[in-house]
Amino acid sequence: MIFFVTSNRLFNQKRQLLDLNTRVMQSLKMNPFFGGFFMLRNKSQRYKVSKSDFYEGKNFLANQSRLLNLTNNLRNTNKLNTDKNIRFYGVSFGQTTKEAVKHLGKPNYISRKKSVLKNHKILFYRITVCNVNCILQFHFLKDEFFLGVIEVKNTSIQLHKEITDLVRKKYNVQQEDWVGTLVDSEDNTLEIQEGMIQRMTYFSGSLSVRNEIQAQVAKIHVLKEKHGQLNHDMILKMI
């Protein structure tokens, strides 16, 4: 009997504490200052981007039109030849992921999302260039490095110029303020694009890599056409 009374008393005390806690939280939310705090906190939690979503959203080849443009030699007619070998942050085209990681260290993120390309892997690294945080993308096809991308999102024209000047100096470009595509002796390319987002795209000149990409893109088109025809046939049957 004593045990029952004690248990009942503890239950009532817990219930009173819960009621008190609820009233306190409600009064805080009604307060102009604290209410705003709770709203901001809820909004920040609601719109918080996960690590995977952030990096996957940066994937240069998530846009299929860019994949098509990779093997299009007419992307940029403003071309210059360079006598220096084009490499992406010390990594040469054709190197393996293991060799790249050995040179660069552990990546900040490795893409896990299914790619439109088969046997495609992406390593992401965070670096600082001219006091600005940048994301580097290292793309591998069949464990062979074939594409590097760096994007600088900044409204400062002067900052973009400083970064481009560093690239021009590295590859012995004499033309001041030149922007376009550099080509080395092995047909590797470095394309510089200006705008709100400054982008530099490094692409392998390997014929085997380019042929593989073109073959995979052709298969994607065939599958799309078949899918489109199936949808068309289904609509015809329905009407």
Protein backbone atom coordinates (compact mmCIF):
# COMPACT_ATOMS: atom_id res chain seq x y z
CA MET A 1 0.00 0.00 0.00
CA ILE A 2 2.85 2.37 0.91
CA PHE A 3 4.59 1.52 -2.38
CA PHE A 4 1.40 2.33 -4.34
CA VAL A 5 1.00 5.74 -2.66
CA THR A 6 4.68 6.59 -3.22
CA SER A 7 4.52 5.60 -6.89
CA ASN A 8 1.35 7.61 -7.37
CA ARG A 9 2.96 10.64 -5.71
CA LEU A 10 6.03 10.38 -7.99
CA PHE A 11 3.78 10.13 -11.02
CA ASN A 12 1.91 13.30 -10.00
CA GLN A 13 5.19 15.16 -9.40
CA LYS A 14 6.49 14.22 -12.85
CA ARG A 15 3.21 15.30 -14.42
CA GLN A 16 3.39 18.67 -12.63
CA LEU A 17 6.98 19.18 -13.85
CA LEU A 18 5.97 18.41 -17.43
CA ASP A 19 3.06 20.85 -17.22
CA LEU A 20 5.38 23.53 -15.81
CA ASN A 21 7.93 22.94 -18.56
CA THR A 22 5.20 23.24 -21.22
CA ARG A 23 3.97 26.55 -19.76
CA VAL A 24 7.53 27.94 -19.63
CA MET A 25 8.20 27.01 -23.27
CA GLN A 26 4.91 28.57 -24.36
CA SER A 27 5.66 31.82 -22.50
CA LEU A 28 9.15 31.98 -24.05
CA LYS A 29 7.73 31.55 -27.55
CA MET A 30 5.18 34.32 -26.89
CA ASN A 31 7.99 36.65 -25.78
CA PRO A 32 9.01 38.91 -28.76
CA PHE A 33 12.73 38.20 -28.26
CA PHE A 34 12.68 34.49 -27.44
CA GLY A 35 9.86 33.80 -29.89
CA GLY A 36 12.04 35.13 -32.70
CA PHE A 37 14.91 32.97 -31.46
CA PHE A 38 12.82 29.81 -31.67
CA MET A 39 11.58 30.73 -35.16
CA LEU A 40 15.12 31.37 -36.41
CA ARG A 41 16.31 28.13 -34.93
CA ASN A 42 13.49 26.17 -36.53
CA LYS A 43 14.13 27.81 -39.91
CA SER A 44 17.86 27.12 -39.75
CA GLN A 45 17.18 23.46 -38.98
CA ARG A 46 14.61 23.25 -41.78
CA TYR A 47 16.90 24.72 -44.47
CA LYS A 48 20.18 23.21 -43.33
CA VAL A 49 21.95 21.52 -46.27
CA SER A 50 23.58 18.17 -45.60
CA LYS A 51 27.21 17.54 -46.52
CA SER A 52 26.26 15.12 -49.30
CA ASP A 53 23.67 17.51 -50.80
CA PHE A 54 26.21 20.36 -50.75
CA TYR A 55 28.94 18.48 -52.61
CA GLU A 56 26.63 16.56 -54.94
CA GLY A 57 25.12 19.91 -55.92
CA LYS A 58 28.59 21.07 -57.00
CA ASN A 59 29.06 18.15 -59.40
CA PHE A 60 30.04 19.73 -62.72
CA LEU A 61 28.79 16.77 -64.76
CA ALA A 62 25.37 16.65 -63.10
CA ASN A 63 24.38 18.84 -66.05
CA GLN A 64 24.26 16.57 -69.13
CA SER A 65 24.80 19.49 -71.52
CA ARG A 66 28.24 19.99 -70.00
CA LEU A 67 28.98 16.33 -70.61
CA LEU A 68 28.14 16.84 -74.29
CA ASN A 69 30.27 19.99 -74.49
CA LEU A 70 33.34 18.23 -73.11
CA THR A 71 34.06 16.52 -76.42
CA ASN A 72 32.94 19.48 -78.54
CA ASN A 73 36.00 21.20 -79.98
CA LEU A 74 33.99 24.34 -80.77
CA ARG A 75 33.28 25.18 -77.12
CA ASN A 76 35.67 28.12 -77.18
CA THR A 77 37.31 29.50 -80.34
CA ASN A 78 39.69 31.77 -78.39
CA LYS A 79 42.47 29.20 -78.05
CA LEU A 80 46.17 29.45 -77.29
CA ASN A 81 48.88 26.80 -77.29
CA THR A 82 51.15 26.42 -74.29
CA ASP A 83 54.53 24.70 -74.13
CA LYS A 84 53.89 23.65 -70.53
CA ASN A 85 52.05 20.45 -69.60
CA ILE A 86 48.59 21.16 -68.22
CA ARG A 87 48.07 19.55 -64.82
CA PHE A 88 45.40 20.08 -62.17
CA TYR A 89 46.93 20.93 -58.80
CA GLY A 90 49.87 18.63 -59.36
CA VAL A 91 47.78 15.72 -60.64
CA SER A 92 48.43 14.58 -64.22
CA PHE A 93 45.75 13.25 -66.52
CA GLY A 94 45.63 9.46 -66.47
CA GLN A 95 46.66 9.13 -62.81
CA THR A 96 44.61 6.83 -60.56
CA THR A 97 42.51 7.81 -57.55
CA LYS A 98 45.09 6.18 -55.28
CA GLU A 99 47.88 8.29 -56.79
CA ALA A 100 45.78 11.46 -56.51
CA VAL A 101 44.93 10.82 -52.84
CA LYS A 102 48.59 10.08 -52.11
CA HIS A 103 49.50 13.49 -53.57
CA LEU A 104 46.56 15.54 -52.23
CA GLY A 105 45.64 13.75 -49.01
CA LYS A 106 42.22 12.57 -47.87
CA PRO A 107 39.37 14.21 -49.83
CA ASN A 108 36.67 16.23 -48.07
CA TYR A 109 34.01 14.22 -49.87
CA ILE A 110 33.68 11.32 -52.33
CA SER A 111 30.59 11.32 -54.56
CA ARG A 112 28.12 8.52 -53.82
CA LYS A 113 25.37 9.57 -56.20
CA LYS A 114 24.86 7.49 -59.34
CA SER A 115 26.42 9.23 -62.34
CA VAL A 116 25.22 9.37 -65.93
CA LEU A 117 28.67 7.99 -66.81
CA LYS A 118 29.57 4.42 -65.92
CA ASN A 119 32.71 3.82 -63.81
CA HIS A 120 32.74 7.51 -62.86
CA LYS A 121 34.14 8.66 -59.51
CA ILE A 122 34.54 12.18 -58.08
CA LEU A 123 36.81 13.44 -55.29
CA PHE A 124 36.08 16.85 -53.74
CA TYR A 125 38.65 19.02 -51.94
CA ARG A 126 38.31 22.36 -50.16
CA ILE A 127 41.19 24.81 -50.68
CA THR A 128 41.87 28.53 -50.23
CA VAL A 129 42.93 30.66 -53.21
CA CYS A 130 43.65 34.36 -52.65
CA ASN A 131 41.88 34.11 -49.25
CA VAL A 132 38.73 32.67 -50.85
CA ASN A 133 37.42 29.16 -50.13
CA CYS A 134 37.12 27.07 -53.29
CA ILE A 135 35.99 23.55 -54.17
CA LEU A 136 38.13 21.33 -56.38
CA GLN A 137 36.58 18.43 -58.31
CA PHE A 138 38.68 15.51 -59.52
CA HIS A 139 36.75 13.29 -61.96
CA PHE A 140 37.91 9.75 -62.75
CA LEU A 141 36.67 7.46 -65.51
CA LYS A 142 37.63 3.81 -65.09
CA ASP A 143 40.03 4.98 -62.35
CA GLU A 144 41.77 7.40 -64.72
CA PHE A 145 41.83 11.15 -63.97
CA PHE A 146 40.25 12.96 -66.93
CA LEU A 147 38.55 16.14 -65.64
CA GLY A 148 39.34 18.79 -63.04
CA VAL A 149 37.10 21.73 -62.11
CA ILE A 150 37.57 24.69 -59.79
CA GLU A 151 34.85 27.31 -59.21
CA VAL A 152 35.32 30.66 -57.47
CA LYS A 153 32.06 32.34 -56.44
CA ASN A 154 32.85 35.98 -55.72
CA THR A 155 31.59 39.35 -56.95
CA SER A 156 35.07 40.91 -56.84
CA ILE A 157 36.36 41.46 -60.39
CA GLN A 158 39.79 42.22 -58.97
CA LEU A 159 39.92 38.86 -57.20
CA HIS A 160 38.97 37.01 -60.40
CA LYS A 161 41.71 38.91 -62.24
CA GLU A 162 44.31 37.95 -59.62
CA ILE A 163 43.45 34.25 -59.93
CA THR A 164 43.44 34.38 -63.74
CA ASP A 165 46.77 36.24 -63.71
CA LEU A 166 48.29 33.38 -61.69
CA VAL A 167 47.13 30.87 -64.32
CA ARG A 168 48.35 33.02 -67.22
CA LYS A 169 51.74 33.41 -65.55
CA LYS A 170 52.03 29.66 -64.89
CA TYR A 171 51.38 28.77 -68.56
CA ASN A 172 53.42 31.65 -70.06
CA VAL A 173 50.46 33.53 -71.57
CA GLN A 174 51.78 36.90 -72.74
CA GLN A 175 48.44 38.48 -73.69
CA GLU A 176 47.18 40.65 -70.84
CA ASP A 177 43.59 39.98 -69.72
CA TRP A 178 43.38 36.97 -72.06
CA VAL A 179 40.51 34.54 -71.33
CA GLY A 180 39.85 31.37 -73.33
CA THR A 181 41.17 27.82 -73.72
CA LEU A 182 44.79 26.73 -73.37
CA VAL A 183 45.97 23.61 -75.22
CA ASP A 184 49.20 21.73 -74.49
CA SER A 185 51.24 19.36 -76.68
CA GLU A 186 49.08 16.36 -75.64
CA ASP A 187 45.80 18.15 -76.46
CA ASN A 188 44.95 18.55 -72.76
CA THR A 189 42.91 21.72 -72.30
CA LEU A 190 42.36 24.37 -69.64
CA GLU A 191 39.30 26.54 -70.21
CA ILE A 192 38.88 29.79 -68.26
CA GLN A 193 35.36 31.21 -67.95
CA GLU A 194 34.59 34.55 -66.33
CA GLY A 195 31.35 35.71 -64.73
CA MET A 196 29.69 35.83 -61.32
CA ILE A 197 31.14 32.34 -60.90
CA GLN A 198 34.67 32.05 -62.24
CA ARG A 199 35.28 28.53 -63.51
CA MET A 200 38.40 26.76 -64.73
CA THR A 201 37.93 23.39 -66.43
CA TYR A 202 40.84 21.02 -67.04
CA PHE A 203 40.13 18.25 -69.54
CA SER A 204 42.23 15.31 -70.75
CA GLY A 205 43.31 15.17 -74.38
CA SER A 206 43.33 11.35 -74.33
CA LEU A 207 41.50 10.00 -77.39
CA SER A 208 40.49 6.83 -75.55
CA VAL A 209 38.83 8.91 -72.80
CA ARG A 210 37.04 11.17 -75.29
CA ASN A 211 35.86 8.20 -77.36
CA GLU A 212 34.58 6.47 -74.21
CA ILE A 213 32.60 9.56 -73.19
CA GLN A 214 31.15 9.96 -76.70
CA ALA A 215 30.15 6.27 -76.76
CA GLN A 216 28.41 6.54 -73.38
CA VAL A 217 26.66 9.78 -74.40
CA ALA A 218 25.42 8.06 -77.59
CA LYS A 219 23.95 5.22 -75.50
CA ILE A 220 22.20 7.75 -73.25
CA HIS A 221 20.58 9.35 -76.33
CA VAL A 222 19.41 5.96 -77.63
CA LEU A 223 17.83 5.12 -74.26
CA LYS A 224 16.13 8.54 -74.12
CA GLU A 225 14.71 8.09 -77.61
CA LYS A 226 13.38 4.62 -76.73
CA HIS A 227 11.84 5.97 -73.52
CA GLY A 228 10.29 8.86 -75.42
CA GLN A 229 8.83 6.49 -78.03
CA LEU A 230 7.33 4.28 -75.32
CA ASN A 231 5.66 7.29 -73.70
CA HIS A 232 4.38 8.39 -77.12
CA ASP A 233 2.91 4.94 -77.81
CA MET A 234 1.22 4.85 -74.40
CA ILE A 235 -0.39 8.25 -74.99
CA LEU A 236 -1.67 7.11 -78.41
CA LYS A 237 -3.29 4.06 -76.80
CA MET A 238 -5.00 6.23 -74.19
CA ILE A 239 -6.59 8.75 -76.56
